[in-house]
Protein backbone atom coordinates (compact mmCIF):
# COMPACT_ATOMS: atom_id res chain seq x y z
CA MET A 1 0.02 -0.12 -0.02
CA GLU A 2 1.26 3.55 -1.08
CA GLU A 3 2.47 5.42 2.02
CA ARG A 4 -0.07 8.26 3.02
CA ARG A 5 1.68 11.63 2.63
CA ILE A 6 0.29 14.32 4.70
CA ILE A 7 1.21 17.84 3.56
CA ASP A 8 1.34 21.19 5.59
CA CYS A 9 0.93 23.30 2.68
CA HIS A 10 1.15 26.72 4.33
CA THR A 11 3.56 27.22 7.24
CA HIS A 12 5.61 30.05 8.75
CA ILE A 13 8.45 27.72 10.01
CA LEU A 14 11.63 29.16 8.19
CA PRO A 15 13.32 31.18 11.21
CA GLY A 16 13.82 34.67 11.27
CA ILE A 17 12.30 35.84 7.93
CA ASP A 18 8.70 37.09 8.78
CA ASP A 19 6.16 36.97 11.72
CA GLY A 20 6.45 33.40 12.13
CA SER A 21 9.76 31.13 13.74
CA GLU A 22 11.85 33.81 15.60
CA ASN A 23 14.82 31.50 15.56
CA ILE A 24 16.03 28.12 14.83
CA GLU A 25 15.59 26.62 18.23
CA MET A 26 11.60 27.44 17.58
CA THR A 27 11.81 26.00 14.04
CA LYS A 28 13.28 22.72 15.65
CA LYS A 29 10.20 22.63 18.09
CA LEU A 30 7.81 23.60 15.07
CA LEU A 31 9.15 20.74 12.87
CA GLU A 32 8.64 18.47 16.17
CA LEU A 33 5.26 19.31 16.41
CA GLU A 34 4.39 18.73 12.74
CA MET A 35 5.89 15.52 13.12
CA ASN A 36 3.61 14.70 15.90
CA ASN A 37 0.72 15.84 13.88
CA GLY A 38 1.75 13.12 11.54
CA VAL A 39 2.84 15.48 8.78
CA THR A 40 5.17 13.91 6.16
CA ASP A 41 5.84 16.82 4.02
CA ILE A 42 6.02 20.63 4.63
CA VAL A 43 5.72 23.55 2.47
CA PHE A 44 7.65 26.64 3.85
CA THR A 45 5.40 29.91 2.85
CA PRO A 46 6.96 33.02 4.42
CA HIS A 47 5.24 36.26 4.08
CA PHE A 48 6.23 38.05 0.88
CA TYR A 49 5.13 42.09 0.58
CA ALA A 50 6.17 43.74 -2.49
CA SER A 51 6.00 47.14 -0.34
CA ARG A 52 8.68 45.74 1.52
CA ASN A 53 10.89 43.77 -0.42
CA SER A 54 11.96 43.26 -3.91
CA ILE A 55 11.73 39.56 -4.83
CA GLY A 56 15.38 39.21 -5.43
CA SER A 57 15.93 40.30 -1.88
CA PHE A 58 13.37 38.04 -0.51
CA LEU A 59 14.71 35.12 -2.14
CA ASP A 60 18.25 35.72 -0.76
CA LYS A 61 16.86 36.14 2.71
CA ARG A 62 14.44 33.05 2.16
CA GLU A 63 17.64 30.83 1.24
CA LYS A 64 19.86 31.90 4.03
CA SER A 65 16.97 30.98 6.53
CA LEU A 66 16.32 27.58 4.51
CA GLU A 67 20.08 26.81 5.02
CA LYS A 68 19.73 27.24 8.75
CA VAL A 69 16.70 24.43 8.67
CA LEU A 70 18.99 21.92 6.53
CA GLY A 71 21.75 22.76 8.98
CA ILE A 72 19.65 20.84 11.75
CA VAL A 73 17.12 18.70 9.31
CA ASN A 74 19.12 15.31 10.69
CA GLU A 75 17.55 16.24 14.48
CA THR A 76 14.12 16.46 13.09
CA GLY A 77 13.00 13.27 11.76
CA PHE A 78 12.42 15.00 8.30
CA THR A 79 14.83 14.86 5.10
CA PRO A 80 15.45 17.62 2.84
CA GLU A 81 13.45 16.03 0.42
CA ASN A 82 10.41 16.49 2.76
CA PHE A 83 10.74 20.45 2.50
CA TYR A 84 9.52 22.72 -0.26
CA VAL A 85 9.81 26.42 -0.27
CA GLY A 86 7.49 28.89 -1.75
CA ALA A 87 5.99 32.15 -0.35
CA GLU A 88 2.43 33.49 0.69
CA VAL A 89 2.37 36.34 -1.52
CA TYR A 90 0.47 39.27 -0.41
CA TYR A 91 -1.81 40.75 -3.25
CA PHE A 92 -0.68 43.89 -4.83
CA GLU A 93 -1.53 46.14 -7.61
CA GLY A 94 0.12 45.08 -10.91
CA MET A 95 1.10 41.59 -9.80
CA SER A 96 0.46 39.92 -12.76
CA LYS A 97 2.86 41.70 -14.84
CA ALA A 98 5.64 41.45 -12.17
CA GLU A 99 8.69 39.86 -14.22
CA GLU A 100 9.83 37.32 -11.55
CA LEU A 101 6.60 36.59 -9.89
CA SER A 102 6.82 32.96 -10.86
CA LYS A 103 10.01 32.45 -8.89
CA LEU A 104 7.63 32.99 -5.72
CA CYS A 105 5.82 29.86 -6.76
CA ILE A 106 6.41 26.58 -4.56
CA SER A 107 9.69 24.97 -5.35
CA GLY A 108 9.64 22.84 -8.71
CA THR A 109 5.89 23.84 -9.38
CA ASP A 110 3.68 26.65 -11.00
CA TYR A 111 1.55 26.84 -7.84
CA LEU A 112 1.55 30.56 -6.27
CA LEU A 113 -0.26 30.85 -2.69
CA ILE A 114 -1.64 34.47 -2.79
CA GLU A 115 -3.02 36.04 0.26
CA MET A 116 -5.79 38.52 -0.84
CA PRO A 117 -6.75 41.91 0.62
CA PHE A 118 -8.20 42.22 3.98
CA ALA A 119 -10.75 44.27 2.84
CA GLY A 120 -13.88 44.25 0.28
CA TRP A 121 -12.85 43.15 -3.14
CA THR A 122 -13.34 44.75 -6.42
CA LYS A 123 -13.29 43.78 -9.95
CA LYS A 124 -9.72 44.77 -10.45
CA ASN A 125 -8.58 42.30 -7.52
CA ILE A 126 -10.39 39.46 -9.57
CA ASP A 127 -9.16 40.57 -12.84
CA GLU A 128 -5.79 40.32 -11.21
CA ILE A 129 -6.00 36.89 -10.02
CA GLU A 130 -7.39 35.91 -13.59
CA SER A 131 -4.62 37.34 -15.33
CA ILE A 132 -2.06 35.56 -13.16
CA ILE A 133 -4.10 32.24 -14.23
CA GLU A 134 -4.82 33.20 -18.06
CA ASP A 135 -1.78 35.23 -19.17
CA ARG A 136 1.08 34.14 -16.82
CA ASN A 137 -0.24 30.46 -16.94
CA LEU A 138 0.58 30.10 -13.39
CA ASN A 139 -1.72 27.95 -10.74
CA VAL A 140 -3.26 29.96 -8.09
CA ILE A 141 -3.93 28.94 -4.52
CA ILE A 142 -5.95 31.18 -2.34
CA ALA A 143 -4.43 31.24 1.14
CA HIS A 144 -7.05 31.04 4.20
CA ILE A 145 -9.93 32.04 2.09
CA GLU A 146 -12.19 31.52 5.27
CA ARG A 147 -10.54 34.74 6.84
CA PHE A 148 -11.90 37.07 3.88
CA TYR A 149 -15.34 36.22 3.54
CA LYS A 150 -16.48 38.62 6.51
CA PHE A 151 -14.85 41.80 4.91
CA GLN A 152 -16.98 41.33 1.96
CA LYS A 153 -20.04 43.50 2.00
CA ASN A 154 -20.75 42.50 -1.71
CA LYS A 155 -20.36 39.05 -1.92
CA GLU A 156 -20.64 39.14 -5.85
CA PHE A 157 -16.83 39.36 -6.16
CA PHE A 158 -16.29 36.66 -3.52
CA GLU A 159 -18.39 34.26 -5.53
CA LYS A 160 -16.48 35.42 -8.48
CA LEU A 161 -13.16 34.29 -7.37
CA LEU A 162 -14.32 30.96 -6.69
CA GLU A 163 -15.65 30.76 -10.37
CA LEU A 164 -11.82 30.81 -11.38
CA GLU A 165 -9.99 27.80 -11.67
CA LEU A 166 -7.98 27.78 -8.61
CA MET A 167 -7.14 25.85 -5.57
CA ILE A 168 -8.57 26.82 -2.05
CA GLN A 169 -6.49 26.63 1.08
CA LEU A 170 -8.21 26.29 4.51
CA ASN A 171 -6.49 26.72 7.75
CA GLY A 172 -6.85 23.93 10.00
CA GLU A 173 -7.81 26.28 13.06
CA VAL A 174 -11.39 26.93 11.18
CA PHE A 175 -12.39 23.27 11.85
CA LEU A 176 -11.41 23.68 15.53
CA GLU A 177 -13.21 26.83 16.33
CA GLY A 178 -16.89 27.84 16.94
CA PHE A 179 -20.02 26.49 15.37
CA LEU A 180 -20.33 29.13 12.92
CA ALA A 181 -16.60 29.07 11.55
CA LYS A 182 -17.26 25.34 11.29
CA ARG A 183 -20.17 25.44 9.54
CA TRP A 184 -18.94 28.10 7.16
CA ALA A 185 -15.57 25.93 6.31
CA ASP A 186 -17.76 22.89 6.14
CA LYS A 187 -19.85 24.56 2.88
CA PHE A 188 -16.31 24.19 0.73
CA ILE A 189 -15.82 20.57 1.82
CA SER A 190 -16.51 17.75 -0.91
CA ASP A 191 -15.23 15.00 -2.56
CA LYS A 192 -14.83 16.94 -5.76
CA ALA A 193 -13.81 20.42 -4.21
CA ASN A 194 -10.14 21.86 -5.03
CA ILE A 195 -9.06 22.19 -1.43
CA ILE A 196 -5.98 21.94 0.35
CA LEU A 197 -5.34 22.31 4.06
CA GLY A 198 -2.21 24.47 6.04
CA SER A 199 -1.87 25.07 9.57
CA ASP A 200 -0.31 28.42 8.84
CA CYS A 201 1.86 27.81 12.00
CA HIS A 202 3.57 30.63 13.23
CA ASN A 203 4.76 29.78 16.91
CA LEU A 204 4.53 27.19 19.45
CA THR A 205 1.26 28.73 21.23
CA THR A 206 -1.35 30.61 19.72
CA ARG A 207 -0.64 29.44 16.11
CA LYS A 208 0.91 26.13 16.30
CA PRO A 209 0.77 23.14 13.94
CA ASN A 210 -2.64 21.66 14.14
CA LEU A 211 -3.54 19.27 11.24
CA ALA A 212 -3.79 16.04 13.36
CA ASP A 213 -6.99 17.53 15.18
CA ALA A 214 -8.35 19.17 12.06
CA ARG A 215 -8.10 16.23 9.88
CA SER A 216 -9.91 14.19 12.73
CA LYS A 217 -12.77 16.60 12.65
CA ILE A 218 -13.07 16.45 8.71
CA GLY A 219 -12.94 12.91 8.84
CA LYS A 220 -15.58 12.53 11.33
CA LYS A 221 -17.75 14.81 9.69
CA HIS A 222 -17.23 14.28 5.92
CA GLY A 223 -15.60 10.74 5.58
CA GLN A 224 -12.11 9.42 4.59
CA VAL A 225 -12.91 10.09 0.80
CA VAL A 226 -12.79 13.97 1.47
CA LEU A 227 -9.72 13.68 3.35
CA ASP A 228 -8.23 11.58 0.53
CA LYS A 229 -9.10 14.15 -1.85
CA ILE A 230 -7.33 16.78 -0.05
CA ASP A 231 -4.39 14.47 0.06
CA GLU A 232 -4.59 14.13 -3.45
CA ASN A 233 -4.90 17.57 -4.16
CA SER A 234 -1.75 18.46 -2.14
CA LYS A 235 0.24 15.68 -3.87
CA LYS A 236 -0.57 17.04 -7.02
CA ILE A 237 0.47 20.56 -6.32
CA LEU A 238 4.04 19.05 -5.41
CA GLY A 239 4.21 16.52 -8.19
CA LEU A 240 4.20 13.46 -5.79
């Protein structure tokens, strides 16, 4: 039987690069928690803000941070082959025309994780994402889509985004919160949905790895077939 791959598709585990892990010691503990959650593969997705960094300088910082992790990988139970690097790219105007945009995709893929604005979306926002898909031929993943719904007084553009050919990432915590949050997330779940999971872990306390509990909740509510689809989607992204 093929080994089940449980992939955390959204993390802030790389040390000292964003508001996630502060240092390599915290990174080691986060990786230990990921291992305890049954995670087999991790996508490192540090924040990228075009207003703060050029793509080139961001990639340099990311590489140095990754080197620190690879230096202690033998102490973690993971191997370098279990690690993938990308970015959580905060939406910026004109991003579809940014020459080096594809360099922010998850390593070895054409999948780009995008964090949308925490505000009401406009036609321009949706057109920008559509242009990334159609004109740049990149596959878009919308990060933690559940966090944006409350900002959309006009739900039209939220629905239009969902009509695009893209992947939806949900944070594990949404399945562990109150009734309304879980009910909202449940409407996205089916055995045909383009959904992946991420812990979006940042630290060891308030935002720690949580995929074991999240997957347990999903399995009990929706069945193994849905978990299989989530895993299939995640493997597809990484080419596994």
